[in-house]
Amino acid sequence: MTKNVPSYQQHREQAPDVVRFAVLTVSDTRTKETDTSGALILRTLSENGHENRGYVIVPDEPDQIRGTLESWANDPSIDCILSNGGTGIAKRDTTYDVISSLLEKKLDGFGEIFRQLSFQEIGPAAMLSRAIAGTHRGTLIVAMPGSTNAVRLAMERLLAPEIAHLVFELNK
């Protein structure tokens, strides 16, 4: 490492080549055949050389969301969990509330930057998103909206470029 190389670049160079991930889709209506957002997460990370360790769709029921997250966070073979769905403000949207209650350290910048980028695409409706990220029991957890366009934005602009760096930081 040269001293003129920024530390974030050094960390990216030291980051793992393979991140082991799980995908949680929260939806009362989607199936594996219709879950385009979950499929996009799976495809994006797999195409970047990362390893899928789990994929499930659960209804927007807090106990089922929490149970899945806790099980995966207790699995040492999973570095990060990426969820989609249930981050809005409708009565059935409980993903944010469950994940927020589990997080030990929040990555406020994820939600802030996601909403900023989303605002550039969809305008003020971006404020409806309660996208959030943070850590729980040494596992990175990211919650994205269920919209495939929102997942594409998060994956392409934020997560795919930085996920290995995030896992590297988490494991320091």
Protein backbone atom coordinates (compact mmCIF):
# COMPACT_ATOMS: atom_id res chain seq x y z
CA MET A 1 0.00 0.00 0.00
CA THR A 2 1.32 3.37 -0.94
CA LYS A 3 0.72 6.33 1.28
CA ASN A 4 -0.81 8.36 -1.57
CA VAL A 5 -3.63 5.84 -2.02
CA PRO A 6 -6.77 6.93 -0.13
CA SER A 7 -7.69 4.67 2.79
CA TYR A 8 -11.06 3.74 1.28
CA GLN A 9 -9.24 2.49 -1.82
CA GLN A 10 -6.81 0.50 0.34
CA HIS A 11 -9.78 -1.05 2.15
CA ARG A 12 -11.45 -1.96 -1.14
CA GLU A 13 -8.23 -3.68 -2.20
CA GLN A 14 -8.18 -5.64 1.07
CA ALA A 15 -11.88 -6.51 0.95
CA PRO A 16 -12.93 -10.12 0.40
CA ASP A 17 -13.32 -11.29 -3.17
CA VAL A 18 -16.46 -13.19 -2.24
CA VAL A 19 -19.26 -11.94 0.00
CA ARG A 20 -21.68 -14.57 1.26
CA PHE A 21 -25.20 -13.15 1.18
CA ALA A 22 -28.84 -14.01 1.78
CA VAL A 23 -31.88 -12.35 0.22
CA LEU A 24 -35.13 -11.74 2.06
CA THR A 25 -38.15 -10.57 0.07
CA VAL A 26 -41.00 -9.29 2.22
CA SER A 27 -44.29 -9.46 0.35
CA ASP A 28 -47.83 -10.66 0.81
CA THR A 29 -48.23 -11.29 -2.92
CA ARG A 30 -44.91 -12.21 -4.59
CA THR A 31 -43.76 -15.70 -5.40
CA LYS A 32 -40.33 -16.86 -6.56
CA GLU A 33 -41.67 -16.65 -10.11
CA THR A 34 -42.86 -13.03 -9.73
CA ASP A 35 -40.18 -11.68 -7.39
CA THR A 36 -38.27 -9.52 -9.88
CA SER A 37 -36.63 -7.47 -7.11
CA GLY A 38 -35.26 -10.49 -5.26
CA ALA A 39 -34.10 -11.95 -8.59
CA LEU A 40 -32.29 -8.70 -9.38
CA ILE A 41 -30.41 -8.78 -6.07
CA LEU A 42 -29.47 -12.43 -6.58
CA ARG A 43 -28.33 -11.84 -10.17
CA THR A 44 -26.37 -8.65 -9.43
CA LEU A 45 -24.38 -10.14 -6.57
CA SER A 46 -23.83 -13.49 -8.28
CA GLU A 47 -22.59 -11.78 -11.43
CA ASN A 48 -20.10 -9.93 -9.24
CA GLY A 49 -18.72 -13.23 -7.92
CA HIS A 50 -20.52 -13.28 -4.59
CA GLU A 51 -22.13 -16.39 -3.09
CA ASN A 52 -25.83 -16.87 -2.37
CA ARG A 53 -26.42 -18.58 0.99
CA GLY A 54 -30.18 -18.15 1.19
CA TYR A 55 -33.29 -16.75 -0.43
CA VAL A 56 -36.79 -16.67 0.98
CA ILE A 57 -40.03 -14.76 0.58
CA VAL A 58 -42.01 -14.08 3.75
CA PRO A 59 -45.28 -12.19 4.25
CA ASP A 60 -45.10 -8.78 5.89
CA GLU A 61 -45.45 -10.26 9.37
CA PRO A 62 -42.98 -8.95 11.97
CA ASP A 63 -42.41 -12.33 13.66
CA GLN A 64 -41.57 -14.03 10.36
CA ILE A 65 -39.27 -11.20 9.27
CA ARG A 66 -37.50 -11.17 12.64
CA GLY A 67 -37.20 -14.97 12.74
CA THR A 68 -35.59 -15.10 9.30
CA LEU A 69 -33.19 -12.26 10.09
CA GLU A 70 -32.19 -13.74 13.46
CA SER A 71 -31.61 -17.18 11.95
CA TRP A 72 -29.41 -15.80 9.19
CA ALA A 73 -27.55 -13.41 11.52
CA ASN A 74 -26.67 -16.42 13.69
CA ASP A 75 -25.27 -18.29 10.68
CA PRO A 76 -21.50 -17.65 10.47
CA SER A 77 -21.54 -18.53 6.76
CA ILE A 78 -23.61 -15.40 5.95
CA ASP A 79 -21.86 -12.01 5.77
CA CYS A 80 -24.84 -9.90 4.80
CA ILE A 81 -28.60 -9.96 4.38
CA LEU A 82 -30.29 -7.89 1.70
CA SER A 83 -34.02 -7.42 2.06
CA ASN A 84 -36.55 -5.81 -0.19
CA GLY A 85 -40.14 -4.83 0.49
CA GLY A 86 -42.03 -3.48 3.45
CA THR A 87 -40.10 -0.21 3.84
CA GLY A 88 -42.94 2.20 3.07
CA ILE A 89 -45.47 3.75 5.41
CA ALA A 90 -48.52 1.58 4.70
CA LYS A 91 -50.02 -0.25 7.68
CA ARG A 92 -48.59 -3.59 6.49
CA ASP A 93 -45.06 -2.20 5.95
CA THR A 94 -43.14 -3.51 8.97
CA THR A 95 -39.72 -4.42 7.57
CA TYR A 96 -38.13 -1.12 8.58
CA ASP A 97 -39.52 -1.36 12.11
CA VAL A 98 -38.24 -4.92 12.61
CA ILE A 99 -34.80 -4.25 11.15
CA SER A 100 -34.41 -0.92 12.93
CA SER A 101 -35.11 -2.63 16.27
CA LEU A 102 -32.38 -5.23 15.58
CA LEU A 103 -29.57 -2.96 14.42
CA GLU A 104 -26.68 -2.39 16.78
CA LYS A 105 -24.96 0.09 14.47
CA LYS A 106 -26.88 1.98 11.81
CA LEU A 107 -25.38 3.07 8.51
CA ASP A 108 -27.44 6.23 8.22
CA GLY A 109 -25.64 7.18 5.01
CA PHE A 110 -27.24 4.30 3.11
CA GLY A 111 -30.79 5.55 3.60
CA GLU A 112 -29.79 9.17 3.16
CA ILE A 113 -27.94 8.59 -0.10
CA PHE A 114 -30.56 6.16 -1.38
CA ARG A 115 -33.31 8.75 -0.88
CA GLN A 116 -31.17 11.46 -2.48
CA LEU A 117 -30.54 9.31 -5.55
CA SER A 118 -34.17 8.22 -5.62
CA PHE A 119 -35.29 11.87 -5.43
CA GLN A 120 -33.30 12.55 -8.59
CA GLU A 121 -35.30 9.80 -10.33
CA ILE A 122 -38.82 10.03 -8.87
CA GLY A 123 -38.99 13.38 -7.10
CA PRO A 124 -40.55 13.96 -3.68
CA ALA A 125 -42.09 10.47 -3.49
CA ALA A 126 -38.58 9.37 -2.46
CA MET A 127 -39.40 10.55 1.06
CA LEU A 128 -41.78 7.60 1.42
CA SER A 129 -38.87 5.16 1.51
CA ARG A 130 -37.56 4.02 4.85
CA ALA A 131 -34.53 2.26 3.36
CA ILE A 132 -32.07 1.42 6.13
CA ALA A 133 -28.83 -0.46 6.71
CA GLY A 134 -26.70 -1.46 9.65
CA THR A 135 -25.25 -4.35 11.58
CA HIS A 136 -26.69 -7.06 13.77
CA ARG A 137 -24.52 -9.73 15.42
CA GLY A 138 -21.68 -9.08 13.01
CA THR A 139 -23.90 -9.31 9.94
CA LEU A 140 -24.65 -6.46 7.57
CA ILE A 141 -28.39 -5.99 7.02
CA VAL A 142 -29.77 -3.78 4.25
CA ALA A 143 -33.45 -3.01 3.69
CA MET A 144 -34.51 -1.70 0.29
CA PRO A 145 -37.96 -0.90 -1.04
CA GLY A 146 -39.72 -3.65 -2.98
CA SER A 147 -39.85 -1.76 -6.26
CA THR A 148 -37.55 -3.31 -8.85
CA ASN A 149 -36.45 0.17 -9.97
CA ALA A 150 -35.58 1.06 -6.37
CA VAL A 151 -33.64 -2.19 -5.93
CA ARG A 152 -31.78 -1.56 -9.20
CA LEU A 153 -30.83 1.91 -7.98
CA ALA A 154 -29.60 0.61 -4.62
CA MET A 155 -27.72 -2.31 -6.10
CA GLU A 156 -26.05 -0.49 -8.99
CA ARG A 157 -25.25 2.81 -7.32
CA LEU A 158 -24.61 1.82 -3.70
CA LEU A 159 -24.34 -1.86 -2.84
CA ALA A 160 -22.63 -3.66 -5.71
CA PRO A 161 -19.71 -1.19 -5.70
CA GLU A 162 -19.28 -1.23 -1.90
CA ILE A 163 -20.59 -4.48 -0.46
CA ALA A 164 -17.18 -6.14 -0.14
CA HIS A 165 -15.79 -2.97 1.45
CA LEU A 166 -18.70 -2.93 3.92
CA VAL A 167 -18.05 -6.55 4.88
CA PHE A 168 -14.32 -5.82 5.20
CA GLU A 169 -15.06 -2.96 7.64
CA LEU A 170 -17.50 -5.09 9.58
CA ASN A 171 -14.91 -7.83 10.08
CA LYS A 172 -12.04 -5.56 11.16
